[in-house]
Amino acid sequence: MSKEKKYVCTTILIFAVATVDSIGSLFGFWSKSGAVGTIVLIVKGLVLLGLILLSFSLKNWVYHRTSNSKYRSIAWLSFGALIVCVGGDIVNANFPKTFYRYEGVVKHDYLADSVLFFGPGYLLLLVTGALVAIENNVNRLMLYVFIMVGGLLGAISVWLMHIPGTGLFVTAMTGGYAALIGAVGLFGFVLIHSFGGVRASYGTWLVGLGFLLAAVADAVIGNFWMYGNGGEGYYPEVRDVNWILYIGSQCLVIYLPYILVSQKVAGVCSCSRKE
């Protein structure tokens, strides 16, 4: 089996495990507490570890295919974005089991703390994507406009779901993050355009979808986990739904440097559309 096929099989396996884990918890096939809950937590940790190892392997693939310092830097940035985001996953797990940390309106306001990780992580991802788009000679004005429009849409979305009385810290963190993740989501279309638009490879379309899924996953958190149900959140069901979307997104966006190098240096990869 070729290394490329191993990457694909590993990605499918990671996503499948995350999906089974979430569906099982969502429909009550196994408990979220006690010994079974501990096993579920370990499985989630293994899913994240699998993503980290896969991303690192993709970074090494880039190093073996090219000596271009820019492409190697993009591979490191992509890997770094995932590593930082994992810190946000740990915060979201809420191991101390504390709620209403900042005020008495939003129960799961610990989610605002995770922005300290997800914010820099997705900013790294956005910068990485922008570098790839610029490398593909995308119109920079269009790039900046899409980022600003995405940021505006994200800011509007959090304004619409915001609950009066929410503390300043939670409001600032979620508002700023919503603008960032909105830009990340809309950027997926810029990325696809930079690789040829409708003629882009299937792999490029999937990576672009990963950017969009990142925004969808966080929209689910904001609307249903954090601000939903009058601030109580539809928890834990929404956590399981978000986990599928989030892991699905990460499974795709970590291939950004692979797509770049496979089409710029090593030739169009096997997942490209045939002319």
Protein backbone atom coordinates (compact mmCIF):
# COMPACT_ATOMS: atom_id res chain seq x y z
CA MET A 1 0.00 0.00 0.00
CA SER A 2 1.39 3.41 -0.96
CA LYS A 3 2.01 6.06 1.68
CA GLU A 4 -0.75 8.23 0.19
CA LYS A 5 -3.28 5.43 0.55
CA LYS A 6 -2.14 4.86 4.12
CA TYR A 7 -2.83 8.52 4.85
CA VAL A 8 -6.33 8.22 3.46
CA CYS A 9 -7.06 4.99 5.35
CA THR A 10 -5.73 6.48 8.59
CA THR A 11 -7.89 9.57 8.14
CA ILE A 12 -11.00 7.51 7.53
CA LEU A 13 -10.23 5.38 10.59
CA ILE A 14 -9.80 8.43 12.84
CA PHE A 15 -13.04 9.97 11.65
CA ALA A 16 -14.90 6.65 11.92
CA VAL A 17 -13.78 6.15 15.53
CA ALA A 18 -14.81 9.71 16.44
CA THR A 19 -18.19 9.24 14.76
CA VAL A 20 -18.92 5.90 16.45
CA ASP A 21 -17.87 7.38 19.79
CA SER A 22 -20.22 10.34 19.39
CA ILE A 23 -23.17 8.35 18.06
CA GLY A 24 -22.83 5.82 20.86
CA SER A 25 -22.85 8.57 23.48
CA LEU A 26 -25.61 10.53 21.75
CA PHE A 27 -28.02 7.58 21.69
CA GLY A 28 -27.03 6.23 25.10
CA PHE A 29 -25.34 3.05 23.92
CA TRP A 30 -22.71 3.61 26.61
CA SER A 31 -22.40 5.71 29.72
CA LYS A 32 -20.56 9.02 29.99
CA SER A 33 -19.59 8.32 33.59
CA GLY A 34 -17.78 5.65 35.60
CA ALA A 35 -15.41 3.15 34.03
CA VAL A 36 -17.14 3.34 30.64
CA GLY A 37 -16.91 7.12 30.70
CA THR A 38 -13.17 6.84 31.34
CA ILE A 39 -12.80 4.53 28.34
CA VAL A 40 -14.73 7.01 26.16
CA LEU A 41 -12.43 9.79 27.35
CA ILE A 42 -9.38 7.68 26.47
CA VAL A 43 -10.83 7.03 23.01
CA LYS A 44 -11.22 10.78 22.46
CA GLY A 45 -7.63 11.27 23.52
CA LEU A 46 -6.48 8.59 21.09
CA VAL A 47 -8.43 10.29 18.29
CA LEU A 48 -6.59 13.55 18.96
CA LEU A 49 -3.27 11.71 19.22
CA GLY A 50 -3.99 10.03 15.89
CA LEU A 51 -4.63 13.43 14.30
CA ILE A 52 -1.39 14.81 15.72
CA LEU A 53 0.65 11.87 14.43
CA LEU A 54 -1.03 12.04 11.02
CA SER A 55 -0.40 15.78 10.74
CA PHE A 56 3.23 15.29 11.75
CA SER A 57 3.59 12.55 9.14
CA LEU A 58 2.15 14.88 6.49
CA LYS A 59 4.66 17.52 7.56
CA ASN A 60 7.46 14.98 7.09
CA TRP A 61 6.03 14.05 3.67
CA VAL A 62 6.41 17.69 2.64
CA TYR A 63 10.03 17.71 3.84
CA HIS A 64 10.79 14.61 1.77
CA ARG A 65 9.19 16.04 -1.36
CA THR A 66 10.67 19.55 -1.40
CA SER A 67 13.44 21.69 0.01
CA ASN A 68 11.41 24.87 -0.57
CA SER A 69 11.60 26.76 2.73
CA LYS A 70 8.20 28.41 2.20
CA TYR A 71 6.43 25.09 1.68
CA ARG A 72 8.18 23.61 4.70
CA SER A 73 7.13 26.59 6.81
CA ILE A 74 3.53 26.12 5.67
CA ALA A 75 3.71 22.47 6.75
CA TRP A 76 4.96 23.50 10.20
CA LEU A 77 2.27 26.16 10.54
CA SER A 78 -0.40 23.62 9.66
CA PHE A 79 0.94 21.19 12.25
CA GLY A 80 1.24 23.98 14.84
CA ALA A 81 -2.36 25.06 14.27
CA LEU A 82 -3.59 21.58 15.19
CA ILE A 83 -1.34 21.34 18.27
CA VAL A 84 -2.62 24.65 19.66
CA CYS A 85 -6.24 23.66 19.01
CA VAL A 86 -5.76 20.48 21.03
CA GLY A 87 -5.26 22.74 24.05
CA GLY A 88 -8.77 24.07 23.42
CA ASP A 89 -10.12 20.53 23.32
CA ILE A 90 -8.66 19.90 26.77
CA VAL A 91 -10.29 23.06 28.15
CA ASN A 92 -13.64 22.12 26.60
CA ALA A 93 -13.52 18.78 28.41
CA ASN A 94 -14.05 20.79 31.63
CA PHE A 95 -12.24 18.32 33.86
CA PRO A 96 -12.83 20.44 37.03
CA LYS A 97 -16.60 20.25 36.31
CA THR A 98 -17.09 23.92 37.13
CA PHE A 99 -19.84 26.05 35.62
CA TYR A 100 -20.85 29.72 35.72
CA ARG A 101 -17.24 30.73 36.21
CA TYR A 102 -17.67 34.36 35.23
CA GLU A 103 -21.32 35.23 35.85
CA GLY A 104 -24.70 33.59 36.28
CA VAL A 105 -26.01 33.72 32.72
CA VAL A 106 -24.02 31.22 30.64
CA LYS A 107 -23.58 27.83 32.32
CA HIS A 108 -20.82 26.56 30.05
CA ASP A 109 -18.81 29.78 30.06
CA TYR A 110 -15.59 27.75 30.38
CA LEU A 111 -15.90 27.51 26.61
CA ALA A 112 -14.70 31.11 26.50
CA ASP A 113 -11.42 29.95 28.08
CA SER A 114 -10.84 27.54 25.21
CA VAL A 115 -10.71 30.55 22.86
CA LEU A 116 -7.26 31.22 24.33
CA PHE A 117 -6.20 28.11 22.38
CA PHE A 118 -8.67 27.85 19.51
CA GLY A 119 -8.22 31.53 18.66
CA PRO A 120 -4.44 31.32 18.02
CA GLY A 121 -4.88 27.86 16.49
CA TYR A 122 -7.39 28.94 13.88
CA LEU A 123 -5.50 32.18 13.29
CA LEU A 124 -2.49 30.04 12.40
CA LEU A 125 -4.70 28.00 10.08
CA LEU A 126 -6.04 31.15 8.41
CA VAL A 127 -2.52 32.53 7.96
CA THR A 128 -1.41 29.19 6.51
CA GLY A 129 -4.30 29.19 4.08
CA ALA A 130 -3.62 32.79 3.09
CA LEU A 131 0.03 31.96 2.37
CA VAL A 132 -1.08 29.07 0.15
CA ALA A 133 -3.59 31.27 -1.69
CA ILE A 134 -0.96 33.97 -2.23
CA GLU A 135 1.47 31.33 -3.48
CA ASN A 136 -1.24 30.40 -6.00
CA ASN A 137 -1.35 34.05 -7.15
CA VAL A 138 -4.85 34.72 -5.87
CA ASN A 139 -6.01 38.32 -6.09
CA ARG A 140 -5.02 39.79 -2.72
CA LEU A 141 -7.88 42.27 -2.67
CA MET A 142 -10.34 39.41 -3.05
CA LEU A 143 -8.53 37.53 -0.29
CA TYR A 144 -8.81 40.44 2.13
CA VAL A 145 -12.42 41.14 1.21
CA PHE A 146 -13.46 37.53 1.84
CA ILE A 147 -11.67 37.53 5.19
CA MET A 148 -13.36 40.77 6.23
CA VAL A 149 -16.79 39.64 5.06
CA GLY A 150 -16.38 36.32 6.86
CA GLY A 151 -15.33 38.16 10.01
CA LEU A 152 -18.35 40.43 9.76
CA LEU A 153 -20.73 37.49 9.32
CA GLY A 154 -19.19 35.78 12.33
CA ALA A 155 -19.55 38.90 14.46
CA ILE A 156 -23.19 39.29 13.43
CA SER A 157 -23.91 35.66 14.29
CA VAL A 158 -22.66 36.03 17.88
CA TRP A 159 -24.55 39.31 18.22
CA LEU A 160 -27.78 37.53 17.26
CA MET A 161 -27.29 34.69 19.78
CA HIS A 162 -25.86 36.84 22.58
CA ILE A 163 -27.77 36.83 25.88
CA PRO A 164 -28.15 40.14 27.76
CA GLY A 165 -26.22 40.11 31.02
CA THR A 166 -23.40 37.94 29.73
CA GLY A 167 -20.13 39.10 31.30
CA LEU A 168 -17.63 41.27 29.46
CA PHE A 169 -14.94 38.57 29.29
CA VAL A 170 -17.25 35.95 27.79
CA THR A 171 -18.76 38.47 25.38
CA ALA A 172 -15.37 39.72 24.20
CA MET A 173 -13.88 36.26 23.79
CA THR A 174 -16.83 34.76 21.95
CA GLY A 175 -17.35 37.86 19.81
CA GLY A 176 -13.75 38.08 18.67
CA TYR A 177 -13.55 34.35 18.09
CA ALA A 178 -16.78 34.30 16.11
CA ALA A 179 -15.34 36.92 13.76
CA LEU A 180 -12.18 34.85 13.32
CA ILE A 181 -13.92 31.55 12.71
CA GLY A 182 -16.32 33.24 10.29
CA ALA A 183 -13.31 34.38 8.28
CA VAL A 184 -11.86 30.86 8.41
CA GLY A 185 -15.08 29.35 7.11
CA LEU A 186 -15.52 31.74 4.19
CA PHE A 187 -11.85 31.45 3.32
CA GLY A 188 -12.47 27.88 2.19
CA PHE A 189 -14.00 29.28 -1.01
CA VAL A 190 -10.93 31.46 -1.62
CA LEU A 191 -8.69 28.44 -1.21
CA ILE A 192 -10.65 26.41 -3.75
CA HIS A 193 -10.63 29.36 -6.16
CA SER A 194 -6.85 29.69 -5.81
CA PHE A 195 -6.43 26.11 -7.03
CA GLY A 196 -8.62 26.56 -10.06
CA GLY A 197 -12.18 26.83 -8.74
CA VAL A 198 -14.54 24.24 -10.15
CA ARG A 199 -11.59 22.54 -11.87
CA ALA A 200 -9.69 22.11 -8.61
CA SER A 201 -8.81 18.60 -7.47
CA TYR A 202 -11.14 16.62 -5.24
CA GLY A 203 -8.52 16.88 -2.53
CA THR A 204 -8.59 20.68 -2.73
CA TRP A 205 -12.38 20.70 -2.48
CA LEU A 206 -12.20 18.51 0.61
CA VAL A 207 -9.65 20.78 2.29
CA GLY A 208 -11.85 23.79 1.45
CA LEU A 209 -14.80 21.91 2.97
CA GLY A 210 -12.69 21.41 6.09
CA PHE A 211 -12.38 25.19 6.51
CA LEU A 212 -16.14 25.56 6.15
CA LEU A 213 -16.80 22.72 8.62
CA ALA A 214 -14.63 24.51 11.19
CA ALA A 215 -17.06 27.43 11.10
CA VAL A 216 -20.09 25.13 11.21
CA ALA A 217 -18.70 23.26 14.23
CA ASP A 218 -18.18 26.46 16.17
CA ALA A 219 -21.58 27.80 15.13
CA VAL A 220 -23.06 24.68 16.70
CA ILE A 221 -21.12 25.36 19.91
CA GLY A 222 -22.26 28.98 20.08
CA ASN A 223 -25.91 28.41 19.24
CA PHE A 224 -26.57 25.20 21.15
CA TRP A 225 -23.79 24.55 23.68
CA MET A 226 -23.03 28.02 24.98
CA TYR A 227 -25.88 30.45 24.34
CA GLY A 228 -28.60 27.90 23.60
CA ASN A 229 -31.49 27.02 25.88
CA GLY A 230 -31.37 30.38 27.64
CA GLY A 231 -27.70 29.93 28.56
CA GLU A 232 -28.13 26.39 29.92
CA GLY A 233 -27.07 24.78 26.66
CA TYR A 234 -28.34 21.58 25.07
CA TYR A 235 -25.64 19.56 26.77
CA PRO A 236 -24.25 16.90 26.43
CA GLU A 237 -25.99 16.08 23.14
CA VAL A 238 -24.53 19.07 21.31
CA ARG A 239 -21.03 18.09 22.45
CA ASP A 240 -21.36 14.79 20.61
CA VAL A 241 -22.62 16.46 17.44
CA ASN A 242 -19.85 19.05 17.58
CA TRP A 243 -17.19 16.36 18.06
CA ILE A 244 -18.08 14.75 14.71
CA LEU A 245 -17.99 18.10 12.89
CA TYR A 246 -14.79 19.24 14.57
CA ILE A 247 -12.83 16.03 13.97
CA GLY A 248 -14.14 15.91 10.41
CA SER A 249 -12.84 19.44 9.85
CA GLN A 250 -9.42 18.71 11.33
CA CYS A 251 -9.14 15.50 9.30
CA LEU A 252 -9.41 17.64 6.17
CA VAL A 253 -7.56 20.89 6.89
CA ILE A 254 -4.35 19.13 7.97
CA TYR A 255 -3.95 18.11 4.31
CA LEU A 256 -3.45 21.73 3.20
CA PRO A 257 0.37 21.50 2.86
CA TYR A 258 0.04 18.09 1.21
CA ILE A 259 -2.31 19.49 -1.43
CA LEU A 260 -0.01 22.44 -2.07
CA VAL A 261 3.15 20.40 -2.50
CA SER A 262 1.53 17.55 -4.42
CA GLN A 263 0.29 20.01 -7.04
CA LYS A 264 3.19 22.45 -7.07
CA VAL A 265 6.16 20.12 -6.70
CA ALA A 266 5.31 16.42 -6.93
CA GLY A 267 2.67 16.79 -9.63
CA VAL A 268 -1.07 16.55 -9.21
CA CYS A 269 -1.90 13.86 -6.62
CA SER A 270 -3.93 10.78 -7.36
CA CYS A 271 -7.03 12.39 -5.86
CA SER A 272 -7.08 15.10 -8.54
CA ARG A 273 -9.71 15.17 -11.22
CA LYS A 274 -8.63 13.78 -14.52
CA GLU A 275 -8.80 16.18 -17.41
